[in-house]
């Protein structure tokens, strides 16, 4: 079942910034603002489960701090063949509040 939760003011996340959100049950989500485009991902690298919250962000390219894998936040996966893909969550601005949809 899907559930929508508020994670903060829509104008609180400027371009180039990120926000780590704990959503309960040991889960966390990272929200990135890449040039005005919001991306909400599970805070778990699909390679080995490492946290992505502190990964280096260069444009839309996110580097996992544990093993150096790179993910294109616009495409959702690692570049090239043998793609590993991130788990994205729907995100939207609802009356000035950022809302993400999670499965519970």
PDB file of N, CA and C in Angstrom:
ATOM      1  N   UNK A   1       0.835  -1.167   0.000  1.00  0.00           N
ATOM      2  CA  UNK A   1       0.000   0.000   0.000  1.00  0.00           C
ATOM      3  C   UNK A   1       0.890   1.243   0.000  1.00  0.00           C
ATOM      4  N   UNK A   2       0.561   2.207  -0.818  1.00  0.00           N
ATOM      5  CA  UNK A   2       1.339   3.443  -0.920  1.00  0.00           C
ATOM      6  C   UNK A   2       0.812   4.472   0.068  1.00  0.00           C
ATOM      7  N   UNK A   3       1.750   5.267   0.575  1.00  0.00           N
ATOM      8  CA  UNK A   3       1.417   6.302   1.554  1.00  0.00           C
ATOM      9  C   UNK A   3       2.257   7.530   1.240  1.00  0.00           C
ATOM     10  N   UNK A   4       1.643   8.690   1.246  1.00  0.00           N
ATOM     11  CA  UNK A   4       2.362   9.925   0.955  1.00  0.00           C
ATOM     12  C   UNK A   4       2.700  10.634   2.265  1.00  0.00           C
ATOM     13  N   UNK A   5       3.977  11.077   2.389  1.00  0.00           N
ATOM     14  CA  UNK A   5       4.394  11.781   3.601  1.00  0.00           C
ATOM     15  C   UNK A   5       5.074  13.095   3.236  1.00  0.00           C
ATOM     16  N   UNK A   6       4.882  14.085   4.105  1.00  0.00           N
ATOM     17  CA  UNK A   6       5.518  15.391   3.928  1.00  0.00           C
ATOM     18  C   UNK A   6       6.940  15.321   4.474  1.00  0.00           C
ATOM     19  N   UNK A   7       7.881  15.923   3.728  1.00  0.00           N
ATOM     20  CA  UNK A   7       9.283  15.879   4.169  1.00  0.00           C
ATOM     21  C   UNK A   7       9.902  17.263   4.314  1.00  0.00           C
ATOM     22  N   UNK A   8       9.084  18.319   4.215  1.00  0.00           N
ATOM     23  CA  UNK A   8       9.605  19.666   4.407  1.00  0.00           C
ATOM     24  C   UNK A   8       9.101  20.650   3.384  1.00  0.00           C
ATOM     25  N   UNK A   9       9.474  21.913   3.604  1.00  0.00           N
ATOM     26  CA  UNK A   9       9.069  22.979   2.698  1.00  0.00           C
ATOM     27  C   UNK A   9       9.730  22.805   1.329  1.00  0.00           C
ATOM     28  N   UNK A  10       8.962  23.055   0.298  1.00  0.00           N
ATOM     29  CA  UNK A  10       9.461  22.903  -1.067  1.00  0.00           C
ATOM     30  C   UNK A  10      10.604  23.863  -1.373  1.00  0.00           C
ATOM     31  N   UNK A  11      10.595  25.035  -0.776  1.00  0.00           N
ATOM     32  CA  UNK A  11      11.651  26.005  -1.066  1.00  0.00           C
ATOM     33  C   UNK A  11      12.882  25.850  -0.178  1.00  0.00           C
ATOM     34  N   UNK A  12      12.921  24.809   0.652  1.00  0.00           N
ATOM     35  CA  UNK A  12      14.056  24.612   1.552  1.00  0.00           C
ATOM     36  C   UNK A  12      15.214  23.858   0.904  1.00  0.00           C
ATOM     37  N   UNK A  13      15.003  23.315  -0.278  1.00  0.00           N
ATOM     38  CA  UNK A  13      16.027  22.516  -0.950  1.00  0.00           C
ATOM     39  C   UNK A  13      16.427  23.212  -2.252  1.00  0.00           C
ATOM     40  N   UNK A  14      17.539  23.944  -2.202  1.00  0.00           N
ATOM     41  CA  UNK A  14      18.002  24.691  -3.365  1.00  0.00           C
ATOM     42  C   UNK A  14      18.805  23.800  -4.308  1.00  0.00           C
ATOM     43  N   UNK A  15      19.004  24.263  -5.522  1.00  0.00           N
ATOM     44  CA  UNK A  15      19.774  23.518  -6.521  1.00  0.00           C
ATOM     45  C   UNK A  15      21.139  23.137  -5.959  1.00  0.00           C
ATOM     46  N   UNK A  16      21.511  21.877  -6.137  1.00  0.00           N
ATOM     47  CA  UNK A  16      22.785  21.361  -5.652  1.00  0.00           C
ATOM     48  C   UNK A  16      22.736  20.818  -4.243  1.00  0.00           C
ATOM     49  N   UNK A  17      21.620  20.999  -3.557  1.00  0.00           N
ATOM     50  CA  UNK A  17      21.503  20.517  -2.181  1.00  0.00           C
ATOM     51  C   UNK A  17      20.841  19.151  -2.135  1.00  0.00           C
ATOM     52  N   UNK A  18      20.966  18.535  -0.964  1.00  0.00           N
ATOM     53  CA  UNK A  18      20.338  17.238  -0.707  1.00  0.00           C
ATOM     54  C   UNK A  18      19.755  17.236   0.688  1.00  0.00           C
ATOM     55  N   UNK A  19      18.865  16.298   0.925  1.00  0.00           N
ATOM     56  CA  UNK A  19      18.233  16.172   2.232  1.00  0.00           C
ATOM     57  C   UNK A  19      18.052  14.697   2.543  1.00  0.00           C
ATOM     58  N   UNK A  20      18.506  14.286   3.722  1.00  0.00           N
ATOM     59  CA  UNK A  20      18.326  12.913   4.187  1.00  0.00           C
ATOM     60  C   UNK A  20      17.078  12.881   5.054  1.00  0.00           C
ATOM     61  N   UNK A  21      16.184  11.942   4.756  1.00  0.00           N
ATOM     62  CA  UNK A  21      14.915  11.837   5.470  1.00  0.00           C
ATOM     63  C   UNK A  21      14.772  10.415   6.001  1.00  0.00           C
ATOM     64  N   UNK A  22      14.520  10.293   7.307  1.00  0.00           N
ATOM     65  CA  UNK A  22      14.262   8.987   7.907  1.00  0.00           C
ATOM     66  C   UNK A  22      12.760   8.762   7.895  1.00  0.00           C
ATOM     67  N   UNK A  23      12.327   7.629   7.321  1.00  0.00           N
ATOM     68  CA  UNK A  23      10.902   7.387   7.127  1.00  0.00           C
ATOM     69  C   UNK A  23      10.375   6.235   7.982  1.00  0.00           C
ATOM     70  N   UNK A  24      11.165   5.767   8.916  1.00  0.00           N
ATOM     71  CA  UNK A  24      10.716   4.718   9.830  1.00  0.00           C
ATOM     72  C   UNK A  24      11.089   3.332   9.360  1.00  0.00           C
ATOM     73  N   UNK A  25      11.084   2.412  10.292  1.00  0.00           N
ATOM     74  CA  UNK A  25      11.407   1.028   9.978  1.00  0.00           C
ATOM     75  C   UNK A  25      12.834   0.832   9.499  1.00  0.00           C
ATOM     76  N   UNK A  26      13.731   1.740   9.901  1.00  0.00           N
ATOM     77  CA  UNK A  26      15.121   1.633   9.486  1.00  0.00           C
ATOM     78  C   UNK A  26      15.393   2.129   8.076  1.00  0.00           C
ATOM     79  N   UNK A  27      14.384   2.684   7.421  1.00  0.00           N
ATOM     80  CA  UNK A  27      14.541   3.183   6.051  1.00  0.00           C
ATOM     81  C   UNK A  27      14.856   4.665   6.052  1.00  0.00           C
ATOM     82  N   UNK A  28      15.654   5.052   5.065  1.00  0.00           N
ATOM     83  CA  UNK A  28      15.907   6.468   4.831  1.00  0.00           C
ATOM     84  C   UNK A  28      15.927   6.726   3.329  1.00  0.00           C
ATOM     85  N   UNK A  29      15.632   7.983   2.997  1.00  0.00           N
ATOM     86  CA  UNK A  29      15.532   8.436   1.621  1.00  0.00           C
ATOM     87  C   UNK A  29      16.402   9.676   1.492  1.00  0.00           C
ATOM     88  N   UNK A  30      17.056   9.828   0.345  1.00  0.00           N
ATOM     89  CA  UNK A  30      17.809  11.041   0.064  1.00  0.00           C
ATOM     90  C   UNK A  30      17.119  11.760  -1.087  1.00  0.00           C
ATOM     91  N   UNK A  31      16.890  13.059  -0.881  1.00  0.00           N
ATOM     92  CA  UNK A  31      16.288  13.895  -1.916  1.00  0.00           C
ATOM     93  C   UNK A  31      17.365  14.839  -2.427  1.00  0.00           C
ATOM     94  N   UNK A  32      17.567  14.849  -3.730  1.00  0.00           N
ATOM     95  CA  UNK A  32      18.543  15.709  -4.393  1.00  0.00           C
ATOM     96  C   UNK A  32      17.821  16.720  -5.261  1.00  0.00           C
ATOM     97  N   UNK A  33      18.313  17.950  -5.257  1.00  0.00           N
ATOM     98  CA  UNK A  33      17.850  18.957  -6.194  1.00  0.00           C
ATOM     99  C   UNK A  33      18.971  19.150  -7.211  1.00  0.00           C
ATOM    100  N   UNK A  34      18.752  18.661  -8.421  1.00  0.00           N
ATOM    101  CA  UNK A  34      19.732  18.769  -9.494  1.00  0.00           C
ATOM    102  C   UNK A  34      19.201  19.787 -10.495  1.00  0.00           C
ATOM    103  N   UNK A  35      19.715  20.991 -10.407  1.00  0.00           N
ATOM    104  CA  UNK A  35      19.296  22.075 -11.320  1.00  0.00           C
ATOM    105  C   UNK A  35      17.779  22.250 -11.359  1.00  0.00           C
ATOM    106  N   UNK A  36      17.143  22.180 -10.187  1.00  0.00           N
ATOM    107  CA  UNK A  36      15.701  22.376 -10.099  1.00  0.00           C
ATOM    108  C   UNK A  36      14.870  21.120 -10.284  1.00  0.00           C
ATOM    109  N   UNK A  37      15.510  20.008 -10.606  1.00  0.00           N
ATOM    110  CA  UNK A  37      14.805  18.727 -10.746  1.00  0.00           C
ATOM    111  C   UNK A  37      15.012  17.931  -9.455  1.00  0.00           C
ATOM    112  N   UNK A  38      13.911  17.517  -8.833  1.00  0.00           N
ATOM    113  CA  UNK A  38      14.001  16.764  -7.584  1.00  0.00           C
ATOM    114  C   UNK A  38      14.035  15.266  -7.851  1.00  0.00           C
ATOM    115  N   UNK A  39      14.923  14.598  -7.135  1.00  0.00           N
ATOM    116  CA  UNK A  39      15.056  13.145  -7.223  1.00  0.00           C
ATOM    117  C   UNK A  39      15.050  12.595  -5.808  1.00  0.00           C
ATOM    118  N   UNK A  40      14.138  11.681  -5.523  1.00  0.00           N
ATOM    119  CA  UNK A  40      14.087  11.020  -4.217  1.00  0.00           C
ATOM    120  C   UNK A  40      14.464   9.560  -4.428  1.00  0.00           C
ATOM    121  N   UNK A  41      15.523   9.120  -3.713  1.00  0.00           N
ATOM    122  CA  UNK A  41      15.985   7.738  -3.868  1.00  0.00           C
ATOM    123  C   UNK A  41      16.110   7.074  -2.502  1.00  0.00           C
ATOM    124  N   UNK A  42      15.968   5.757  -2.499  1.00  0.00           N
ATOM    125  CA  UNK A  42      16.267   4.993  -1.286  1.00  0.00           C
ATOM    126  C   UNK A  42      17.743   5.214  -0.968  1.00  0.00           C
ATOM    127  N   UNK A  43      18.056   5.387   0.292  1.00  0.00           N
ATOM    128  CA  UNK A  43      19.432   5.646   0.715  1.00  0.00           C
ATOM    129  C   UNK A  43      20.199   4.333   0.850  1.00  0.00           C
ATOM    130  N   UNK A  44      20.265   3.601  -0.239  1.00  0.00           N
ATOM    131  CA  UNK A  44      20.924   2.302  -0.241  1.00  0.00           C
ATOM    132  C   UNK A  44      21.453   2.015  -1.644  1.00  0.00           C
ATOM    133  N   UNK A  45      22.747   1.868  -1.761  1.00  0.00           N
ATOM    134  CA  UNK A  45      23.345   1.552  -3.048  1.00  0.00           C
ATOM    135  C   UNK A  45      22.896   0.160  -3.490  1.00  0.00           C
ATOM    136  N   UNK A  46      22.448  -0.001  -4.738  1.00  0.00           N
ATOM    137  CA  UNK A  46      22.005  -1.314  -5.197  1.00  0.00           C
ATOM    138  C   UNK A  46      23.139  -2.334  -5.302  1.00  0.00           C
ATOM    139  N   UNK A  47      24.384  -1.883  -5.224  1.00  0.00           N
ATOM    140  CA  UNK A  47      25.523  -2.795  -5.297  1.00  0.00           C
ATOM    141  C   UNK A  47      25.715  -3.561  -4.002  1.00  0.00           C
ATOM    142  N   UNK A  48      25.764  -2.816  -2.867  1.00  0.00           N
ATOM    143  CA  UNK A  48      26.052  -3.499  -1.598  1.00  0.00           C
ATOM    144  C   UNK A  48      25.354  -2.857  -0.407  1.00  0.00           C
ATOM    145  N   UNK A  49      24.373  -2.000  -0.655  1.00  0.00           N
ATOM    146  CA  UNK A  49      23.570  -1.431   0.415  1.00  0.00           C
ATOM    147  C   UNK A  49      24.170  -0.244   1.150  1.00  0.00           C
ATOM    148  N   UNK A  50      25.291   0.275   0.692  1.00  0.00           N
ATOM    149  CA  UNK A  50      25.932   1.411   1.375  1.00  0.00           C
ATOM    150  C   UNK A  50      25.058   2.660   1.268  1.00  0.00           C
ATOM    151  N   UNK A  51      25.173   3.538   2.259  1.00  0.00           N
ATOM    152  CA  UNK A  51      24.453   4.801   2.252  1.00  0.00           C
ATOM    153  C   UNK A  51      24.955   5.685   1.112  1.00  0.00           C
ATOM    154  N   UNK A  52      24.020   6.311   0.415  1.00  0.00           N
ATOM    155  CA  UNK A  52      24.357   7.216  -0.676  1.00  0.00           C
ATOM    156  C   UNK A  52      24.265   8.685  -0.262  1.00  0.00           C
ATOM    157  N   UNK A  53      23.847   8.944   0.978  1.00  0.00           N
ATOM    158  CA  UNK A  53      23.575  10.304   1.432  1.00  0.00           C
ATOM    159  C   UNK A  53      24.788  11.226   1.332  1.00  0.00           C
ATOM    160  N   UNK A  54      25.983  10.709   1.515  1.00  0.00           N
ATOM    161  CA  UNK A  54      27.192  11.531   1.469  1.00  0.00           C
ATOM    162  C   UNK A  54      27.982  11.363   0.183  1.00  0.00           C
ATOM    163  N   UNK A  55      27.359  10.760  -0.815  1.00  0.00           N
ATOM    164  CA  UNK A  55      28.038  10.576  -2.092  1.00  0.00           C
ATOM    165  C   UNK A  55      28.320  11.901  -2.777  1.00  0.00           C
ATOM    166  N   UNK A  56      29.405  11.954  -3.523  1.00  0.00           N
ATOM    167  CA  UNK A  56      29.762  13.161  -4.273  1.00  0.00           C
ATOM    168  C   UNK A  56      28.779  13.326  -5.424  1.00  0.00           C
ATOM    169  N   UNK A  57      28.273  14.552  -5.574  1.00  0.00           N
ATOM    170  CA  UNK A  57      27.343  14.863  -6.637  1.00  0.00           C
ATOM    171  C   UNK A  57      27.989  15.861  -7.581  1.00  0.00           C
ATOM    172  N   UNK A  58      28.125  15.464  -8.836  1.00  0.00           N
ATOM    173  CA  UNK A  58      28.703  16.322  -9.871  1.00  0.00           C
ATOM    174  C   UNK A  58      27.671  16.417 -10.986  1.00  0.00           C
ATOM    175  N   UNK A  59      26.920  17.526 -11.021  1.00  0.00           N
ATOM    176  CA  UNK A  59      25.791  17.620 -11.945  1.00  0.00           C
ATOM    177  C   UNK A  59      24.745  16.618 -11.517  1.00  0.00           C
ATOM    178  N   UNK A  60      24.386  15.711 -12.404  1.00  0.00           N
ATOM    179  CA  UNK A  60      23.423  14.664 -12.041  1.00  0.00           C
ATOM    180  C   UNK A  60      24.109  13.333 -11.739  1.00  0.00           C
ATOM    181  N   UNK A  61      25.437  13.325 -11.694  1.00  0.00           N
ATOM    182  CA  UNK A  61      26.196  12.099 -11.460  1.00  0.00           C
ATOM    183  C   UNK A  61      26.530  11.948  -9.973  1.00  0.00           C
ATOM    184  N   UNK A  62      25.969  10.926  -9.341  1.00  0.00           N
ATOM    185  CA  UNK A  62      26.171  10.631  -7.927  1.00  0.00           C
ATOM    186  C   UNK A  62      27.157   9.483  -7.793  1.00  0.00           C
ATOM    187  N   UNK A  63      28.194   9.679  -6.955  1.00  0.00           N
ATOM    188  CA  UNK A  63      29.195   8.645  -6.725  1.00  0.00           C
ATOM    189  C   UNK A  63      28.983   8.029  -5.350  1.00  0.00           C
ATOM    190  N   UNK A  64      28.844   6.702  -5.303  1.00  0.00           N
ATOM    191  CA  UNK A  64      28.697   5.990  -4.038  1.00  0.00           C
ATOM    192  C   UNK A  64      29.995   6.126  -3.245  1.00  0.00           C
ATOM    193  N   UNK A  65      29.916   6.582  -1.979  1.00  0.00           N
ATOM    194  CA  UNK A  65      31.133   6.773  -1.197  1.00  0.00           C
ATOM    195  C   UNK A  65      31.820   5.462  -0.798  1.00  0.00           C
ATOM    196  N   UNK A  66      31.122   4.346  -0.870  1.00  0.00           N
ATOM    197  CA  UNK A  66      31.706   3.074  -0.437  1.00  0.00           C
ATOM    198  C   UNK A  66      32.595   2.437  -1.499  1.00  0.00           C
ATOM    199  N   UNK A  67      32.127   2.375  -2.740  1.00  0.00           N
ATOM    200  CA  UNK A  67      32.869   1.650  -3.779  1.00  0.00           C
ATOM    201  C   UNK A  67      33.102   2.453  -5.047  1.00  0.00           C
ATOM    202  N   UNK A  68      32.651   3.703  -5.078  1.00  0.00           N
ATOM    203  CA  UNK A  68      32.923   4.552  -6.227  1.00  0.00           C
ATOM    204  C   UNK A  68      32.019   4.353  -7.428  1.00  0.00           C
ATOM    205  N   UNK A  69      30.989   3.518  -7.299  1.00  0.00           N
ATOM    206  CA  UNK A  69      30.058   3.369  -8.423  1.00  0.00           C
ATOM    207  C   UNK A  69      29.368   4.697  -8.677  1.00  0.00           C
ATOM    208  N   UNK A  70      29.108   4.995  -9.935  1.00  0.00           N
ATOM    209  CA  UNK A  70      28.460   6.240 -10.291  1.00  0.00           C
ATOM    210  C   UNK A  70      27.077   5.962 -10.858  1.00  0.00           C
ATOM    211  N   UNK A  71      26.138   6.821 -10.466  1.00  0.00           N
ATOM    212  CA  UNK A  71      24.756   6.720 -10.917  1.00  0.00           C
ATOM    213  C   UNK A  71      24.335   8.053 -11.499  1.00  0.00           C
ATOM    214  N   UNK A  72      23.677   8.013 -12.642  1.00  0.00           N
ATOM    215  CA  UNK A  72      23.121   9.211 -13.246  1.00  0.00           C
ATOM    216  C   UNK A  72      21.712   9.383 -12.684  1.00  0.00           C
ATOM    217  N   UNK A  73      21.499  10.429 -11.885  1.00  0.00           N
ATOM    218  CA  UNK A  73      20.200  10.629 -11.253  1.00  0.00           C
ATOM    219  C   UNK A  73      19.098  10.907 -12.269  1.00  0.00           C
ATOM    220  N   UNK A  74      19.447  11.454 -13.423  1.00  0.00           N
ATOM    221  CA  UNK A  74      18.426  11.689 -14.444  1.00  0.00           C
ATOM    222  C   UNK A  74      18.004  10.379 -15.101  1.00  0.00           C
ATOM    223  N   UNK A  75      18.949   9.504 -15.375  1.00  0.00           N
ATOM    224  CA  UNK A  75      18.652   8.220 -16.015  1.00  0.00           C
ATOM    225  C   UNK A  75      18.272   7.151 -14.992  1.00  0.00           C
ATOM    226  N   UNK A  76      18.806   7.253 -13.763  1.00  0.00           N
ATOM    227  CA  UNK A  76      18.461   6.322 -12.698  1.00  0.00           C
ATOM    228  C   UNK A  76      19.385   5.136 -12.541  1.00  0.00           C
ATOM    229  N   UNK A  77      20.360   5.006 -13.437  1.00  0.00           N
ATOM    230  CA  UNK A  77      21.223   3.822 -13.412  1.00  0.00           C
ATOM    231  C   UNK A  77      22.691   4.205 -13.588  1.00  0.00           C
ATOM    232  N   UNK A  78      23.548   3.209 -13.438  1.00  0.00           N
ATOM    233  CA  UNK A  78      24.955   3.405 -13.737  1.00  0.00           C
ATOM    234  C   UNK A  78      25.095   3.537 -15.247  1.00  0.00           C
ATOM    235  N   UNK A  79      26.035   4.371 -15.713  1.00  0.00           N
ATOM    236  CA  UNK A  79      26.246   4.478 -17.161  1.00  0.00           C
ATOM    237  C   UNK A  79      26.836   3.182 -17.729  1.00  0.00           C
ATOM    238  N   UNK A  80      26.588   2.924 -18.996  1.00  0.00           N
ATOM    239  CA  UNK A  80      27.195   1.781 -19.677  1.00  0.00           C
ATOM    240  C   UNK A  80      26.415   0.492 -19.531  1.00  0.00           C
ATOM    241  N   UNK A  81      27.091  -0.610 -19.823  1.00  0.00           N
ATOM    242  CA  UNK A  81      26.460  -1.931 -19.782  1.00  0.00           C
ATOM    243  C   UNK A  81      26.457  -2.467 -18.347  1.00  0.00           C
ATOM    244  N   UNK A  82      25.660  -3.496 -18.102  1.00  0.00           N
ATOM    245  CA  UNK A  82      25.594  -4.091 -16.772  1.00  0.00           C
ATOM    246  C   UNK A  82      25.039  -3.125 -15.754  1.00  0.00           C
ATOM    247  N   UNK A  83      24.010  -2.427 -16.128  1.00  0.00           N
ATOM    248  CA  UNK A  83      23.483  -1.338 -15.319  1.00  0.00           C
ATOM    249  C   UNK A  83      22.906  -1.801 -13.984  1.00  0.00           C
ATOM    250  N   UNK A  84      23.262  -1.036 -12.941  1.00  0.00           N
ATOM    251  CA  UNK A  84      22.597  -1.139 -11.649  1.00  0.00           C
ATOM    252  C   UNK A  84      21.735   0.107 -11.536  1.00  0.00           C
ATOM    253  N   UNK A  85      20.507  -0.054 -11.069  1.00  0.00           N
ATOM    254  CA  UNK A  85      19.592   1.087 -11.021  1.00  0.00           C
ATOM    255  C   UNK A  85      19.182   1.413  -9.587  1.00  0.00           C
ATOM    256  N   UNK A  86      18.986   2.699  -9.354  1.00  0.00           N
ATOM    257  CA  UNK A  86      18.557   3.197  -8.055  1.00  0.00           C
ATOM    258  C   UNK A  86      17.060   2.975  -7.882  1.00  0.00           C
ATOM    259  N   UNK A  87      16.622   2.932  -6.619  1.00  0.00           N
ATOM    260  CA  UNK A  87      15.197   2.842  -6.312  1.00  0.00           C
ATOM    261  C   UNK A  87      14.671   4.254  -6.060  1.00  0.00           C
ATOM    262  N   UNK A  88      13.901   4.770  -7.021  1.00  0.00           N
ATOM    263  CA  UNK A  88      13.336   6.113  -6.925  1.00  0.00           C
ATOM    264  C   UNK A  88      11.973   6.070  -6.254  1.00  0.00           C
ATOM    265  N   UNK A  89      11.637   7.154  -5.585  1.00  0.00           N
ATOM    266  CA  UNK A  89      10.318   7.328  -4.999  1.00  0.00           C
ATOM    267  C   UNK A  89       9.672   8.552  -5.646  1.00  0.00           C
ATOM    268  N   UNK A  90       8.368   8.494  -5.898  1.00  0.00           N
ATOM    269  CA  UNK A  90       7.687   9.668  -6.448  1.00  0.00           C
ATOM    270  C   UNK A  90       7.785  10.839  -5.470  1.00  0.00           C
ATOM    271  N   UNK A  91       8.044  12.030  -5.996  1.00  0.00           N
ATOM    272  CA  UNK A  91       8.132  13.237  -5.185  1.00  0.00           C
ATOM    273  C   UNK A  91       7.390  14.347  -5.909  1.00  0.00           C
ATOM    274  N   UNK A  92       6.718  15.207  -5.126  1.00  0.00           N
ATOM    275  CA  UNK A  92       5.997  16.331  -5.721  1.00  0.00           C
ATOM    276  C   UNK A  92       5.879  17.461  -4.712  1.00  0.00           C
ATOM    277  N   UNK A  93       5.562  18.623  -5.244  1.00  0.00           N
ATOM    278  CA  UNK A  93       5.305  19.818  -4.451  1.00  0.00           C
ATOM    279  C   UNK A  93       3.794  19.942  -4.316  1.00  0.00           C
ATOM    280  N   UNK A  94       3.297  19.886  -3.086  1.00  0.00           N
ATOM    281  CA  UNK A  94       1.871  20.021  -2.826  1.00  0.00           C
ATOM    282  C   UNK A  94       1.672  21.219  -1.907  1.00  0.00           C
ATOM    283  N   UNK A  95       1.214  22.295  -2.474  1.00  0.00           N
ATOM    284  CA  UNK A  95       0.948  23.512  -1.697  1.00  0.00           C
ATOM    285  C   UNK A  95       2.148  23.946  -0.859  1.00  0.00           C
ATOM    286  N   UNK A  96       3.344  23.888  -1.475  1.00  0.00           N
ATOM    287  CA  UNK A  96       4.551  24.345  -0.791  1.00  0.00           C
ATOM    288  C   UNK A  96       5.225  23.314   0.089  1.00  0.00           C
ATOM    289  N   UNK A  97       4.699  22.094   0.136  1.00  0.00           N
ATOM    290  CA  UNK A  97       5.306  21.014   0.907  1.00  0.00           C
ATOM    291  C   UNK A  97       5.827  19.938  -0.048  1.00  0.00           C
ATOM    292  N   UNK A  98       7.035  19.443   0.224  1.00  0.00           N
ATOM    293  CA  UNK A  98       7.547  18.314  -0.553  1.00  0.00           C
ATOM    294  C   UNK A  98       6.911  17.040  -0.004  1.00  0.00           C
ATOM    295  N   UNK A  99       6.364  16.254  -0.908  1.00  0.00           N
ATOM    296  CA  UNK A  99       5.697  15.008  -0.541  1.00  0.00           C
ATOM    297  C   UNK A  99       6.357  13.856  -1.300  1.00  0.00           C
ATOM    298  N   UNK A 100       6.658  12.771  -0.578  1.00  0.00           N
ATOM    299  CA  UNK A 100       7.146  11.571  -1.243  1.00  0.00           C
ATOM    300  C   UNK A 100       6.147  10.448  -0.991  1.00  0.00           C
ATOM    301  N   UNK A 101       6.083   9.537  -1.936  1.00  0.00           N
ATOM    302  CA  UNK A 101       5.204   8.392  -1.821  1.00  0.00           C
ATOM    303  C   UNK A 101       6.044   7.172  -1.506  1.00  0.00           C
ATOM    304  N   UNK A 102       5.693   6.491  -0.423  1.00  0.00           N
ATOM    305  CA  UNK A 102       6.423   5.285  -0.013  1.00  0.00           C
ATOM    306  C   UNK A 102       5.463   4.110   0.044  1.00  0.00           C
ATOM    307  N   UNK A 103       6.013   2.925  -0.128  1.00  0.00           N
ATOM    308  CA  UNK A 103       5.231   1.707   0.067  1.00  0.00           C
ATOM    309  C   UNK A 103       5.369   1.307   1.529  1.00  0.00           C
ATOM    310  N   UNK A 104       4.255   1.008   2.153  1.00  0.00           N
ATOM    311  CA  UNK A 104       4.274   0.590   3.561  1.00  0.00           C
ATOM    312  C   UNK A 104       3.766  -0.815   3.703  1.00  0.00           C
TER     313      UNK A 104
END
